[in-house]
Structures are given as structure tokens and as C-alpha cells.
PDB file of N, CA and C in Angstrom:
ATOM      1  N   MET A   1     230.433 -55.397  85.180  1.00  0.00           N
ATOM      2  CA  MET A   1     229.238 -54.471  85.241  1.00  0.00           C
ATOM      3  C   MET A   1     229.440 -53.536  83.758  1.00  0.00           C
ATOM      4  N   ALA A   2     228.309 -53.462  82.940  1.00  0.00           N
ATOM      5  CA  ALA A   2     228.122 -52.798  81.718  1.00  0.00           C
ATOM      6  C   ALA A   2     228.268 -51.260  82.343  1.00  0.00           C
ATOM      7  N   VAL A   3     228.963 -50.434  81.552  1.00  0.00           N
ATOM      8  CA  VAL A   3     228.789 -48.960  81.671  1.00  0.00           C
ATOM      9  C   VAL A   3     227.811 -48.431  80.929  1.00  0.00           C
ATOM     10  N   ASN A   4     226.613 -47.804  81.430  1.00  0.00           N
ATOM     11  CA  ASN A   4     225.493 -47.288  80.569  1.00  0.00           C
ATOM     12  C   ASN A   4     225.692 -45.880  80.667  1.00  0.00           C
ATOM     13  N   TYR A   5     226.792 -45.186  80.763  1.00  0.00           N
ATOM     14  CA  TYR A   5     226.744 -43.743  80.743  1.00  0.00           C
ATOM     15  C   TYR A   5     227.994 -43.270  80.080  1.00  0.00           C
ATOM     16  N   GLY A   6     228.094 -41.919  79.742  1.00  0.00           N
ATOM     17  CA  GLY A   6     229.410 -41.644  79.111  1.00  0.00           C
ATOM     18  C   GLY A   6     229.705 -42.085  77.625  1.00  0.00           C
ATOM     19  N   SER A   7     230.893 -42.067  77.177  1.00  0.00           N
ATOM     20  CA  SER A   7     231.367 -42.441  75.988  1.00  0.00           C
ATOM     21  C   SER A   7     231.231 -43.928  75.690  1.00  0.00           C
ATOM     22  N   LYS A   8     231.335 -44.653  76.896  1.00  0.00           N
ATOM     23  CA  LYS A   8     231.109 -46.177  76.683  1.00  0.00           C
ATOM     24  C   LYS A   8     229.748 -46.764  76.847  1.00  0.00           C
ATOM     25  N   ARG A   9     228.887 -45.899  76.719  1.00  0.00           N
ATOM     26  CA  ARG A   9     227.366 -46.192  77.121  1.00  0.00           C
ATOM     27  C   ARG A   9     227.008 -47.388  76.014  1.00  0.00           C
ATOM     28  N   VAL A  10     226.422 -48.317  76.417  1.00  0.00           N
ATOM     29  CA  VAL A  10     225.629 -49.426  75.723  1.00  0.00           C
ATOM     30  C   VAL A  10     224.687 -48.948  75.012  1.00  0.00           C
ATOM     31  N   VAL A  11     224.571 -49.000  73.555  1.00  0.00           N
ATOM     32  CA  VAL A  11     223.529 -48.391  72.827  1.00  0.00           C
ATOM     33  C   VAL A  11     222.624 -49.347  72.456  1.00  0.00           C
ATOM     34  N   VAL A  12     221.288 -49.363  72.651  1.00  0.00           N
ATOM     35  CA  VAL A  12     220.311 -50.322  72.285  1.00  0.00           C
ATOM     36  C   VAL A  12     219.215 -49.639  71.472  1.00  0.00           C
ATOM     37  N   GLY A  13     218.583 -50.449  70.987  1.00  0.00           N
ATOM     38  CA  GLY A  13     217.329 -49.878  70.241  1.00  0.00           C
ATOM     39  C   GLY A  13     217.466 -50.038  68.789  1.00  0.00           C
ATOM     40  N   ALA A  14     216.451 -49.592  67.987  1.00  0.00           N
ATOM     41  CA  ALA A  14     216.501 -49.753  66.564  1.00  0.00           C
ATOM     42  C   ALA A  14     217.132 -48.760  65.795  1.00  0.00           C
ATOM     43  N   HIS A  15     217.805 -47.603  66.213  1.00  0.00           N
ATOM     44  CA  HIS A  15     218.582 -46.516  65.647  1.00  0.00           C
ATOM     45  C   HIS A  15     217.932 -45.966  64.492  1.00  0.00           C
ATOM     46  N   TYR A  16     216.652 -45.610  64.536  1.00  0.00           N
ATOM     47  CA  TYR A  16     215.898 -45.001  63.541  1.00  0.00           C
ATOM     48  C   TYR A  16     215.932 -43.501  63.445  1.00  0.00           C
ATOM     49  N   GLY A  17     216.228 -42.928  64.702  1.00  0.00           N
ATOM     50  CA  GLY A  17     216.033 -41.555  65.017  1.00  0.00           C
ATOM     51  C   GLY A  17     216.270 -40.512  64.014  1.00  0.00           C
ATOM     52  N   LEU A  18     217.418 -40.069  63.487  1.00  0.00           N
ATOM     53  CA  LEU A  18     217.739 -39.043  62.713  1.00  0.00           C
ATOM     54  C   LEU A  18     216.985 -39.426  61.180  1.00  0.00           C
ATOM     55  N   ARG A  19     217.175 -40.511  60.623  1.00  0.00           N
ATOM     56  CA  ARG A  19     216.722 -40.977  59.366  1.00  0.00           C
ATOM     57  C   ARG A  19     215.272 -40.729  59.357  1.00  0.00           C
ATOM     58  N   ASP A  20     214.493 -41.179  60.418  1.00  0.00           N
ATOM     59  CA  ASP A  20     212.961 -41.047  60.456  1.00  0.00           C
ATOM     60  C   ASP A  20     212.669 -39.634  60.602  1.00  0.00           C
ATOM     61  N   TRP A  21     213.244 -38.831  61.476  1.00  0.00           N
ATOM     62  CA  TRP A  21     213.184 -37.561  61.747  1.00  0.00           C
ATOM     63  C   TRP A  21     213.092 -36.709  60.569  1.00  0.00           C
ATOM     64  N   LEU A  22     214.167 -36.946  59.743  1.00  0.00           N
ATOM     65  CA  LEU A  22     214.450 -36.154  58.569  1.00  0.00           C
ATOM     66  C   LEU A  22     213.335 -36.578  57.490  1.00  0.00           C
ATOM     67  N   ALA A  23     213.009 -37.754  57.482  1.00  0.00           N
ATOM     68  CA  ALA A  23     212.025 -38.480  56.453  1.00  0.00           C
ATOM     69  C   ALA A  23     210.645 -37.788  56.804  1.00  0.00           C
ATOM     70  N   GLN A  24     210.320 -37.630  58.047  1.00  0.00           N
ATOM     71  CA  GLN A  24     209.014 -36.884  58.430  1.00  0.00           C
ATOM     72  C   GLN A  24     209.138 -35.513  57.980  1.00  0.00           C
ATOM     73  N   ARG A  25     210.004 -34.787  57.936  1.00  0.00           N
ATOM     74  CA  ARG A  25     210.129 -33.347  57.597  1.00  0.00           C
ATOM     75  C   ARG A  25     210.177 -33.301  56.084  1.00  0.00           C
ATOM     76  N   VAL A  26     210.892 -34.365  55.495  1.00  0.00           N
ATOM     77  CA  VAL A  26     210.783 -33.941  53.725  1.00  0.00           C
ATOM     78  C   VAL A  26     209.564 -34.469  53.418  1.00  0.00           C
ATOM     79  N   THR A  27     208.968 -35.465  53.947  1.00  0.00           N
ATOM     80  CA  THR A  27     207.479 -36.016  53.416  1.00  0.00           C
ATOM     81  C   THR A  27     206.434 -34.763  53.822  1.00  0.00           C
ATOM     82  N   ALA A  28     206.688 -34.038  54.815  1.00  0.00           N
ATOM     83  CA  ALA A  28     205.712 -33.091  55.083  1.00  0.00           C
ATOM     84  C   ALA A  28     206.005 -32.126  54.424  1.00  0.00           C
ATOM     85  N   MET A  29     206.976 -31.658  53.879  1.00  0.00           N
ATOM     86  CA  MET A  29     207.182 -30.353  52.894  1.00  0.00           C
ATOM     87  C   MET A  29     206.605 -30.825  51.528  1.00  0.00           C
ATOM     88  N   LEU A  30     207.057 -31.910  51.188  1.00  0.00           N
ATOM     89  CA  LEU A  30     206.319 -32.547  49.898  1.00  0.00           C
ATOM     90  C   LEU A  30     204.828 -32.522  50.024  1.00  0.00           C
ATOM     91  N   MET A  31     204.063 -32.858  51.071  1.00  0.00           N
ATOM     92  CA  MET A  31     202.564 -32.745  50.884  1.00  0.00           C
ATOM     93  C   MET A  31     202.282 -31.254  51.096  1.00  0.00           C
ATOM     94  N   ALA A  32     203.053 -30.460  51.725  1.00  0.00           N
ATOM     95  CA  ALA A  32     202.646 -28.989  51.841  1.00  0.00           C
ATOM     96  C   ALA A  32     202.991 -28.263  50.643  1.00  0.00           C
ATOM     97  N   LEU A  33     203.930 -28.634  49.745  1.00  0.00           N
ATOM     98  CA  LEU A  33     204.025 -28.158  48.515  1.00  0.00           C
ATOM     99  C   LEU A  33     202.832 -28.659  47.590  1.00  0.00           C
ATOM    100  N   PHE A  34     202.432 -29.833  47.622  1.00  0.00           N
ATOM    101  CA  PHE A  34     201.331 -30.405  46.879  1.00  0.00           C
ATOM    102  C   PHE A  34     200.107 -29.557  47.089  1.00  0.00           C
ATOM    103  N   THR A  35     199.698 -29.353  48.397  1.00  0.00           N
ATOM    104  CA  THR A  35     198.607 -28.815  48.983  1.00  0.00           C
ATOM    105  C   THR A  35     198.609 -27.247  48.423  1.00  0.00           C
ATOM    106  N   LEU A  36     199.770 -26.461  48.350  1.00  0.00           N
ATOM    107  CA  LEU A  36     199.894 -25.184  47.731  1.00  0.00           C
ATOM    108  C   LEU A  36     199.572 -25.213  46.240  1.00  0.00           C
ATOM    109  N   VAL A  37     200.100 -26.358  45.529  1.00  0.00           N
ATOM    110  CA  VAL A  37     199.923 -26.390  43.945  1.00  0.00           C
ATOM    111  C   VAL A  37     198.448 -26.420  43.589  1.00  0.00           C
ATOM    112  N   VAL A  38     197.779 -27.441  44.485  1.00  0.00           N
ATOM    113  CA  VAL A  38     196.299 -27.720  44.388  1.00  0.00           C
ATOM    114  C   VAL A  38     195.447 -26.451  44.800  1.00  0.00           C
ATOM    115  N   LEU A  39     195.668 -25.789  45.684  1.00  0.00           N
ATOM    116  CA  LEU A  39     195.064 -24.579  46.166  1.00  0.00           C
ATOM    117  C   LEU A  39     195.280 -23.581  45.069  1.00  0.00           C
ATOM    118  N   ALA A  40     196.529 -23.409  44.694  1.00  0.00           N
ATOM    119  CA  ALA A  40     196.820 -22.356  43.502  1.00  0.00           C
ATOM    120  C   ALA A  40     195.815 -22.534  42.390  1.00  0.00           C
ATOM    121  N   GLN A  41     195.862 -23.770  41.925  1.00  0.00           N
ATOM    122  CA  GLN A  41     194.901 -24.224  40.650  1.00  0.00           C
ATOM    123  C   GLN A  41     193.540 -23.751  40.998  1.00  0.00           C
ATOM    124  N   VAL A  42     192.995 -23.953  42.365  1.00  0.00           N
ATOM    125  CA  VAL A  42     191.434 -23.865  42.541  1.00  0.00           C
ATOM    126  C   VAL A  42     191.337 -22.416  42.803  1.00  0.00           C
ATOM    127  N   ILE A  43     192.343 -21.687  43.450  1.00  0.00           N
ATOM    128  CA  ILE A  43     192.025 -20.070  43.755  1.00  0.00           C
ATOM    129  C   ILE A  43     191.966 -19.359  42.347  1.00  0.00           C
ATOM    130  N   PHE A  44     192.923 -19.690  41.395  1.00  0.00           N
ATOM    131  CA  PHE A  44     192.977 -18.949  40.125  1.00  0.00           C
ATOM    132  C   PHE A  44     192.003 -19.464  38.994  1.00  0.00           C
ATOM    133  N   PHE A  45     191.226 -20.332  39.383  1.00  0.00           N
ATOM    134  CA  PHE A  45     190.119 -20.746  38.275  1.00  0.00           C
ATOM    135  C   PHE A  45     189.249 -19.913  38.456  1.00  0.00           C
ATOM    136  N   LYS A  46     188.631 -19.391  37.198  1.00  0.00           N
ATOM    137  CA  LYS A  46     187.488 -18.759  37.001  1.00  0.00           C
ATOM    138  C   LYS A  46     186.308 -19.656  37.044  1.00  0.00           C
ATOM    139  N   GLY A  47     185.110 -19.271  37.583  1.00  0.00           N
ATOM    140  CA  GLY A  47     183.867 -20.080  37.393  1.00  0.00           C
ATOM    141  C   GLY A  47     183.742 -20.936  38.592  1.00  0.00           C
ATOM    142  N   PRO A  48     182.444 -21.789  38.324  1.00  0.00           N
ATOM    143  CA  PRO A  48     182.192 -22.596  39.311  1.00  0.00           C
ATOM    144  C   PRO A  48     183.196 -23.944  39.416  1.00  0.00           C
ATOM    145  N   ILE A  49     183.365 -24.473  40.543  1.00  0.00           N
ATOM    146  CA  ILE A  49     184.269 -25.672  40.564  1.00  0.00           C
ATOM    147  C   ILE A  49     183.482 -26.934  40.742  1.00  0.00           C
ATOM    148  N   GLY A  50     183.419 -27.780  39.855  1.00  0.00           N
ATOM    149  CA  GLY A  50     182.699 -29.001  39.876  1.00  0.00           C
ATOM    150  C   GLY A  50     183.618 -30.258  39.657  1.00  0.00           C
ATOM    151  N   TYR A  51     182.793 -31.296  39.295  1.00  0.00           N
ATOM    152  CA  TYR A  51     183.786 -32.424  38.954  1.00  0.00           C
ATOM    153  C   TYR A  51     184.654 -32.353  37.745  1.00  0.00           C
ATOM    154  N   ASP A  52     184.198 -31.508  36.826  1.00  0.00           N
ATOM    155  CA  ASP A  52     185.102 -31.305  35.700  1.00  0.00           C
ATOM    156  C   ASP A  52     186.361 -30.609  35.799  1.00  0.00           C
ATOM    157  N   LYS A  53     186.094 -29.584  36.872  1.00  0.00           N
ATOM    158  CA  LYS A  53     187.425 -28.879  37.249  1.00  0.00           C
ATOM    159  C   LYS A  53     188.217 -29.695  37.915  1.00  0.00           C
ATOM    160  N   TRP A  54     187.850 -30.413  38.964  1.00  0.00           N
ATOM    161  CA  TRP A  54     188.629 -31.315  39.749  1.00  0.00           C
ATOM    162  C   TRP A  54     189.444 -32.300  38.829  1.00  0.00           C
ATOM    163  N   ALA A  55     188.518 -32.941  37.917  1.00  0.00           N
ATOM    164  CA  ALA A  55     189.086 -33.957  36.866  1.00  0.00           C
ATOM    165  C   ALA A  55     190.305 -33.265  36.165  1.00  0.00           C
ATOM    166  N   GLY A  56     190.164 -32.244  35.617  1.00  0.00           N
ATOM    167  CA  GLY A  56     190.767 -31.249  34.814  1.00  0.00           C
ATOM    168  C   GLY A  56     192.265 -31.235  35.574  1.00  0.00           C
ATOM    169  N   ILE A  57     192.045 -30.772  36.884  1.00  0.00           N
ATOM    170  CA  ILE A  57     193.278 -30.600  37.703  1.00  0.00           C
ATOM    171  C   ILE A  57     194.065 -31.865  37.707  1.00  0.00           C
ATOM    172  N   PHE A  58     193.651 -33.114  37.751  1.00  0.00           N
ATOM    173  CA  PHE A  58     194.390 -34.185  38.136  1.00  0.00           C
ATOM    174  C   PHE A  58     194.717 -35.000  36.613  1.00  0.00           C
ATOM    175  N   SER A  59     194.132 -34.238  35.621  1.00  0.00           N
ATOM    176  CA  SER A  59     194.091 -35.193  34.235  1.00  0.00           C
ATOM    177  C   SER A  59     195.528 -35.229  33.624  1.00  0.00           C
ATOM    178  N   SER A  60     196.366 -34.015  33.914  1.00  0.00           N
ATOM    179  CA  SER A  60     197.588 -33.795  33.124  1.00  0.00           C
ATOM    180  C   SER A  60     198.662 -34.932  33.819  1.00  0.00           C
ATOM    181  N   GLN A  61     199.505 -35.205  33.067  1.00  0.00           N
ATOM    182  CA  GLN A  61     200.442 -36.238  33.328  1.00  0.00           C
ATOM    183  C   GLN A  61     201.413 -35.804  34.377  1.00  0.00           C
ATOM    184  N   TRP A  62     201.756 -34.511  34.567  1.00  0.00           N
ATOM    185  CA  TRP A  62     202.808 -34.017  35.635  1.00  0.00           C
ATOM    186  C   TRP A  62     201.926 -34.045  37.122  1.00  0.00           C
ATOM    187  N   MET A  63     200.656 -33.816  36.935  1.00  0.00           N
ATOM    188  CA  MET A  63     200.097 -33.776  38.261  1.00  0.00           C
ATOM    189  C   MET A  63     199.620 -35.105  38.714  1.00  0.00           C
ATOM    190  N   LYS A  64     199.592 -36.117  37.651  1.00  0.00           N
ATOM    191  CA  LYS A  64     199.476 -37.482  38.308  1.00  0.00           C
ATOM    192  C   LYS A  64     200.746 -37.969  38.894  1.00  0.00           C
ATOM    193  N   VAL A  65     202.017 -37.567  38.061  1.00  0.00           N
ATOM    194  CA  VAL A  65     203.219 -38.081  38.881  1.00  0.00           C
ATOM    195  C   VAL A  65     203.357 -37.196  40.192  1.00  0.00           C
ATOM    196  N   LEU A  66     202.887 -36.051  40.363  1.00  0.00           N
ATOM    197  CA  LEU A  66     203.102 -35.326  41.661  1.00  0.00           C
ATOM    198  C   LEU A  66     202.231 -35.962  42.627  1.00  0.00           C
ATOM    199  N   THR A  67     201.069 -36.284  42.203  1.00  0.00           N
ATOM    200  CA  THR A  67     200.013 -36.930  43.159  1.00  0.00           C
ATOM    201  C   THR A  67     200.657 -38.151  43.551  1.00  0.00           C
ATOM    202  N   PHE A  68     200.997 -39.083  42.750  1.00  0.00           N
ATOM    203  CA  PHE A  68     201.732 -40.447  43.189  1.00  0.00           C
ATOM    204  C   PHE A  68     202.732 -40.211  43.993  1.00  0.00           C
ATOM    205  N   SER A  69     203.723 -39.377  43.910  1.00  0.00           N
ATOM    206  CA  SER A  69     204.787 -39.074  44.753  1.00  0.00           C
ATOM    207  C   SER A  69     204.282 -38.699  45.890  1.00  0.00           C
ATOM    208  N   VAL A  70     203.261 -37.921  46.125  1.00  0.00           N
ATOM    209  CA  VAL A  70     202.620 -37.394  47.369  1.00  0.00           C
ATOM    210  C   VAL A  70     201.840 -38.451  48.043  1.00  0.00           C
ATOM    211  N   ILE A  71     201.332 -39.540  47.388  1.00  0.00           N
ATOM    212  CA  ILE A  71     200.490 -40.585  48.099  1.00  0.00           C
ATOM    213  C   ILE A  71     201.680 -41.594  48.514  1.00  0.00           C
ATOM    214  N   VAL A  72     202.915 -41.888  47.937  1.00  0.00           N
ATOM    215  CA  VAL A  72     203.925 -42.640  48.344  1.00  0.00           C
ATOM    216  C   VAL A  72     204.665 -42.037  49.617  1.00  0.00           C
ATOM    217  N   ALA A  73     204.858 -40.577  49.483  1.00  0.00           N
ATOM    218  CA  ALA A  73     205.448 -39.823  50.683  1.00  0.00           C
ATOM    219  C   ALA A  73     204.274 -39.830  51.923  1.00  0.00           C
ATOM    220  N   MET A  74     203.209 -39.858  51.818  1.00  0.00           N
ATOM    221  CA  MET A  74     202.145 -39.808  52.713  1.00  0.00           C
ATOM    222  C   MET A  74     202.118 -41.254  53.477  1.00  0.00           C
ATOM    223  N   LEU A  75     202.251 -42.246  52.400  1.00  0.00           N
ATOM    224  CA  LEU A  75     202.303 -43.617  53.183  1.00  0.00           C
ATOM    225  C   LEU A  75     203.472 -43.774  53.956  1.00  0.00           C
ATOM    226  N   TYR A  76     204.386 -43.195  53.572  1.00  0.00           N
ATOM    227  CA  TYR A  76     205.936 -43.499  54.375  1.00  0.00           C
ATOM    228  C   TYR A  76     205.815 -42.562  55.620  1.00  0.00           C
ATOM    229  N   HIS A  77     205.200 -41.236  55.519  1.00  0.00           N
ATOM    230  CA  HIS A  77     204.951 -40.395  56.643  1.00  0.00           C
ATOM    231  C   HIS A  77     204.171 -41.072  57.840  1.00  0.00           C
ATOM    232  N   VAL A  78     202.981 -41.532  57.430  1.00  0.00           N
ATOM    233  CA  VAL A  78     201.979 -42.361  58.237  1.00  0.00           C
ATOM    234  C   VAL A  78     202.668 -43.383  58.879  1.00  0.00           C
ATOM    235  N   TRP A  79     203.329 -44.286  58.030  1.00  0.00           N
ATOM    236  CA  TRP A  79     204.069 -45.263  58.524  1.00  0.00           C
ATOM    237  C   TRP A  79     205.023 -44.996  59.588  1.00  0.00           C
ATOM    238  N   VAL A  80     205.995 -44.155  59.619  1.00  0.00           N
ATOM    239  CA  VAL A  80     207.028 -43.711  60.458  1.00  0.00           C
ATOM    240  C   VAL A  80     206.266 -43.359  61.764  1.00  0.00           C
ATOM    241  N   GLY A  81     205.221 -42.492  61.614  1.00  0.00           N
ATOM    242  CA  GLY A  81     204.410 -42.007  62.639  1.00  0.00           C
ATOM    243  C   GLY A  81     203.838 -43.108  63.612  1.00  0.00           C
ATOM    244  N   ILE A  82     202.883 -43.924  62.676  1.00  0.00           N
ATOM    245  CA  ILE A  82     202.313 -45.065  63.474  1.00  0.00           C
ATOM    246  C   ILE A  82     203.034 -45.980  64.039  1.00  0.00           C
ATOM    247  N   ARG A  83     204.133 -46.556  63.474  1.00  0.00           N
ATOM    248  CA  ARG A  83     205.176 -47.366  63.895  1.00  0.00           C
ATOM    249  C   ARG A  83     205.855 -46.843  65.126  1.00  0.00           C
ATOM    250  N   ASP A  84     206.051 -45.580  65.299  1.00  0.00           N
ATOM    251  CA  ASP A  84     206.652 -45.208  66.603  1.00  0.00           C
ATOM    252  C   ASP A  84     205.751 -45.066  67.727  1.00  0.00           C
ATOM    253  N   VAL A  85     204.284 -45.007  67.409  1.00  0.00           N
ATOM    254  CA  VAL A  85     203.318 -45.045  68.374  1.00  0.00           C
ATOM    255  C   VAL A  85     203.111 -46.383  68.855  1.00  0.00           C
ATOM    256  N   TRP A  86     203.165 -47.360  67.927  1.00  0.00           N
ATOM    257  CA  TRP A  86     202.875 -48.806  68.319  1.00  0.00           C
ATOM    258  C   TRP A  86     204.245 -49.161  69.245  1.00  0.00           C
ATOM    259  N   MET A  87     205.622 -48.768  68.824  1.00  0.00           N
ATOM    260  CA  MET A  87     206.694 -49.136  69.658  1.00  0.00           C
ATOM    261  C   MET A  87     206.611 -48.450  70.997  1.00  0.00           C
ATOM    262  N   ASP A  88     206.164 -47.162  71.180  1.00  0.00           N
ATOM    263  CA  ASP A  88     206.112 -46.450  72.228  1.00  0.00           C
ATOM    264  C   ASP A  88     205.161 -46.934  73.342  1.00  0.00           C
ATOM    265  N   TYR A  89     203.966 -47.212  72.967  1.00  0.00           N
ATOM    266  CA  TYR A  89     202.842 -47.386  73.718  1.00  0.00           C
ATOM    267  C   TYR A  89     202.396 -48.700  73.812  1.00  0.00           C
ATOM    268  N   VAL A  90     202.707 -49.829  73.024  1.00  0.00           N
ATOM    269  CA  VAL A  90     202.278 -51.209  73.066  1.00  0.00           C
ATOM    270  C   VAL A  90     203.460 -51.957  73.356  1.00  0.00           C
ATOM    271  N   LYS A  91     203.531 -52.444  74.616  1.00  0.00           N
ATOM    272  CA  LYS A  91     204.532 -53.240  75.182  1.00  0.00           C
ATOM    273  C   LYS A  91     204.648 -54.653  74.797  1.00  0.00           C
ATOM    274  N   PRO A  92     203.511 -55.395  74.844  1.00  0.00           N
ATOM    275  CA  PRO A  92     203.690 -56.845  74.400  1.00  0.00           C
ATOM    276  C   PRO A  92     204.037 -57.059  72.965  1.00  0.00           C
ATOM    277  N   VAL A  93     204.993 -57.745  72.568  1.00  0.00           N
ATOM    278  CA  VAL A  93     205.512 -57.787  71.357  1.00  0.00           C
ATOM    279  C   VAL A  93     204.465 -58.455  70.374  1.00  0.00           C
ATOM    280  N   SER A  94     203.689 -59.489  70.674  1.00  0.00           N
ATOM    281  CA  SER A  94     202.719 -59.969  69.794  1.00  0.00           C
ATOM    282  C   SER A  94     201.765 -59.079  69.404  1.00  0.00           C
ATOM    283  N   ILE A  95     201.167 -58.284  70.305  1.00  0.00           N
ATOM    284  CA  ILE A  95     200.165 -57.371  69.897  1.00  0.00           C
ATOM    285  C   ILE A  95     200.773 -56.177  69.032  1.00  0.00           C
ATOM    286  N   ARG A  96     202.039 -55.668  69.489  1.00  0.00           N
ATOM    287  CA  ARG A  96     202.551 -54.714  68.582  1.00  0.00           C
ATOM    288  C   ARG A  96     202.970 -55.239  67.443  1.00  0.00           C
ATOM    289  N   LEU A  97     203.456 -56.271  67.268  1.00  0.00           N
ATOM    290  CA  LEU A  97     203.635 -56.935  65.677  1.00  0.00           C
ATOM    291  C   LEU A  97     202.451 -57.038  64.990  1.00  0.00           C
ATOM    292  N   SER A  98     201.255 -57.383  65.557  1.00  0.00           N
ATOM    293  CA  SER A  98     199.942 -57.615  64.921  1.00  0.00           C
ATOM    294  C   SER A  98     199.520 -56.246  64.425  1.00  0.00           C
ATOM    295  N   LEU A  99     199.590 -55.259  65.419  1.00  0.00           N
ATOM    296  CA  LEU A  99     199.179 -53.874  64.901  1.00  0.00           C
ATOM    297  C   LEU A  99     200.067 -53.205  63.758  1.00  0.00           C
ATOM    298  N   GLN A 100     201.207 -53.573  63.781  1.00  0.00           N
ATOM    299  CA  GLN A 100     202.169 -53.147  62.711  1.00  0.00           C
ATOM    300  C   GLN A 100     201.914 -53.826  61.585  1.00  0.00           C
ATOM    301  N   VAL A 101     201.541 -55.097  61.433  1.00  0.00           N
ATOM    302  CA  VAL A 101     201.045 -55.907  60.272  1.00  0.00           C
ATOM    303  C   VAL A 101     199.801 -55.348  59.555  1.00  0.00           C
ATOM    304  N   PHE A 102     198.752 -55.104  60.553  1.00  0.00           N
ATOM    305  CA  PHE A 102     197.639 -54.564  60.143  1.00  0.00           C
ATOM    306  C   PHE A 102     197.797 -53.148  59.810  1.00  0.00           C
ATOM    307  N   SER A 103     198.749 -52.477  60.178  1.00  0.00           N
ATOM    308  CA  SER A 103     198.843 -50.923  59.705  1.00  0.00           C
ATOM    309  C   SER A 103     199.401 -51.157  58.313  1.00  0.00           C
ATOM    310  N   ILE A 104     200.277 -51.896  58.007  1.00  0.00           N
ATOM    311  CA  ILE A 104     201.143 -51.994  56.731  1.00  0.00           C
ATOM    312  C   ILE A 104     199.958 -52.473  55.754  1.00  0.00           C
ATOM    313  N   VAL A 105     199.248 -53.388  56.137  1.00  0.00           N
ATOM    314  CA  VAL A 105     198.272 -54.034  55.010  1.00  0.00           C
ATOM    315  C   VAL A 105     197.219 -52.813  54.875  1.00  0.00           C
ATOM    316  N   TRP A 106     196.775 -51.994  55.773  1.00  0.00           N
ATOM    317  CA  TRP A 106     195.841 -51.051  55.581  1.00  0.00           C
ATOM    318  C   TRP A 106     196.215 -50.035  54.828  1.00  0.00           C
ATOM    319  N   LEU A 107     197.630 -49.500  54.981  1.00  0.00           N
ATOM    320  CA  LEU A 107     198.313 -48.348  54.153  1.00  0.00           C
ATOM    321  C   LEU A 107     198.571 -48.958  52.790  1.00  0.00           C
ATOM    322  N   VAL A 108     198.791 -50.178  52.715  1.00  0.00           N
ATOM    323  CA  VAL A 108     199.020 -50.603  51.063  1.00  0.00           C
ATOM    324  C   VAL A 108     197.593 -50.389  50.550  1.00  0.00           C
ATOM    325  N   GLY A 109     196.489 -51.099  51.245  1.00  0.00           N
ATOM    326  CA  GLY A 109     195.172 -51.001  50.722  1.00  0.00           C
ATOM    327  C   GLY A 109     194.637 -49.538  50.276  1.00  0.00           C
ATOM    328  N   CYS A 110     195.066 -48.635  51.237  1.00  0.00           N
ATOM    329  CA  CYS A 110     194.779 -47.328  50.798  1.00  0.00           C
ATOM    330  C   CYS A 110     195.495 -46.697  49.637  1.00  0.00           C
ATOM    331  N   ALA A 111     196.766 -47.286  49.553  1.00  0.00           N
ATOM    332  CA  ALA A 111     197.611 -46.757  48.508  1.00  0.00           C
ATOM    333  C   ALA A 111     196.939 -47.190  47.043  1.00  0.00           C
ATOM    334  N   GLY A 112     196.651 -48.438  47.130  1.00  0.00           N
ATOM    335  CA  GLY A 112     196.070 -49.109  46.052  1.00  0.00           C
ATOM    336  C   GLY A 112     194.666 -48.370  45.617  1.00  0.00           C
ATOM    337  N   TRP A 113     194.078 -48.024  46.619  1.00  0.00           N
ATOM    338  CA  TRP A 113     192.737 -47.557  46.131  1.00  0.00           C
ATOM    339  C   TRP A 113     192.936 -45.991  45.652  1.00  0.00           C
ATOM    340  N   ALA A 114     193.887 -45.397  46.243  1.00  0.00           N
ATOM    341  CA  ALA A 114     194.051 -43.948  45.880  1.00  0.00           C
ATOM    342  C   ALA A 114     194.665 -43.888  44.544  1.00  0.00           C
ATOM    343  N   ILE A 115     195.496 -44.754  44.062  1.00  0.00           N
ATOM    344  CA  ILE A 115     196.084 -44.914  42.902  1.00  0.00           C
ATOM    345  C   ILE A 115     194.981 -45.283  41.851  1.00  0.00           C
ATOM    346  N   GLN A 116     194.112 -46.085  42.098  1.00  0.00           N
ATOM    347  CA  GLN A 116     192.930 -46.434  41.222  1.00  0.00           C
ATOM    348  C   GLN A 116     192.303 -45.279  40.864  1.00  0.00           C
ATOM    349  N   VAL A 117     191.750 -44.413  41.905  1.00  0.00           N
ATOM    350  CA  VAL A 117     191.169 -43.252  41.730  1.00  0.00           C
ATOM    351  C   VAL A 117     191.970 -42.442  40.940  1.00  0.00           C
ATOM    352  N   LEU A 118     193.172 -42.205  40.997  1.00  0.00           N
ATOM    353  CA  LEU A 118     194.129 -41.228  40.372  1.00  0.00           C
ATOM    354  C   LEU A 118     193.924 -41.508  38.757  1.00  0.00           C
ATOM    355  N   TRP A 119     194.298 -42.792  38.431  1.00  0.00           N
ATOM    356  CA  TRP A 119     194.413 -43.145  37.160  1.00  0.00           C
ATOM    357  C   TRP A 119     193.099 -43.506  36.552  1.00  0.00           C
ATOM    358  N   ARG A 120     191.961 -43.406  37.120  1.00  0.00           N
ATOM    359  CA  ARG A 120     190.774 -43.544  36.580  1.00  0.00           C
ATOM    360  C   ARG A 120     190.116 -42.244  35.894  1.00  0.00           C
ATOM    361  N   LEU A 121     190.791 -41.198  36.336  1.00  0.00           N
ATOM    362  CA  LEU A 121     190.266 -40.018  35.890  1.00  0.00           C
ATOM    363  C   LEU A 121     190.444 -39.647  34.332  1.00  0.00           C
TER     364      LEU A 121
END
């Protein structure tokens, strides 16, 4: 009989816990920092805000690098969250795997589109 309590507990599962919890917090902080940077540029800008202003904000190389980093961070943030939802609430393995594959394809497509928009400016 296997002991499933105390120090000799049989550990099962994917063991993602701490790493994914920390990744969620770090990526959330990066996204919050990015939001503050963009808000500061918008708030302290004089005059009307139109396409030219938005294009100007994202045209500098440092802002493109920061935006790209935020896109990657957001993709990982979303992936960890949606993967956990699929793992917790979808019990049939075939359906869960299909949803995970669809999620990955969708996120990669969104990343490609976002990067195209960013470098088209």
C-alpha cells in the first residue's frame, strides 16, 4: 500500500507550480511597466493625439524592443493561464490536447500579427 501523506507522499502531476506562479508575476510586472511607459508618453504629450503621435511613440528602436519583449511576455502569460484552465477543467485528454494545440496556434498567429504591426510603423 502506497503512503500518500506525510514525508513519504507519492507526488504526481506536472510540477509546474512555483515556476509558473513566478512567471505569471514577472510577466505581469513587465506588462504593467510597459503600460506606465506608454501612459507617461501620452499624458505628457502636448496637443492632440492622432495616428502620427502613436506612430511616433512606437517608432524608436528602444520602444520596439520593449514592445516586442512585452508581446513575448504576454504570450507566455496567456499560455500559462489558459493551459492551467484546460488542465483543471477539461478532463478528456483528447479534447484537452486539441484545445492546447489550438491555443498555441492562435497565440503564435497573434504574435506574428502583432510583430508585423509593430515593425510596419
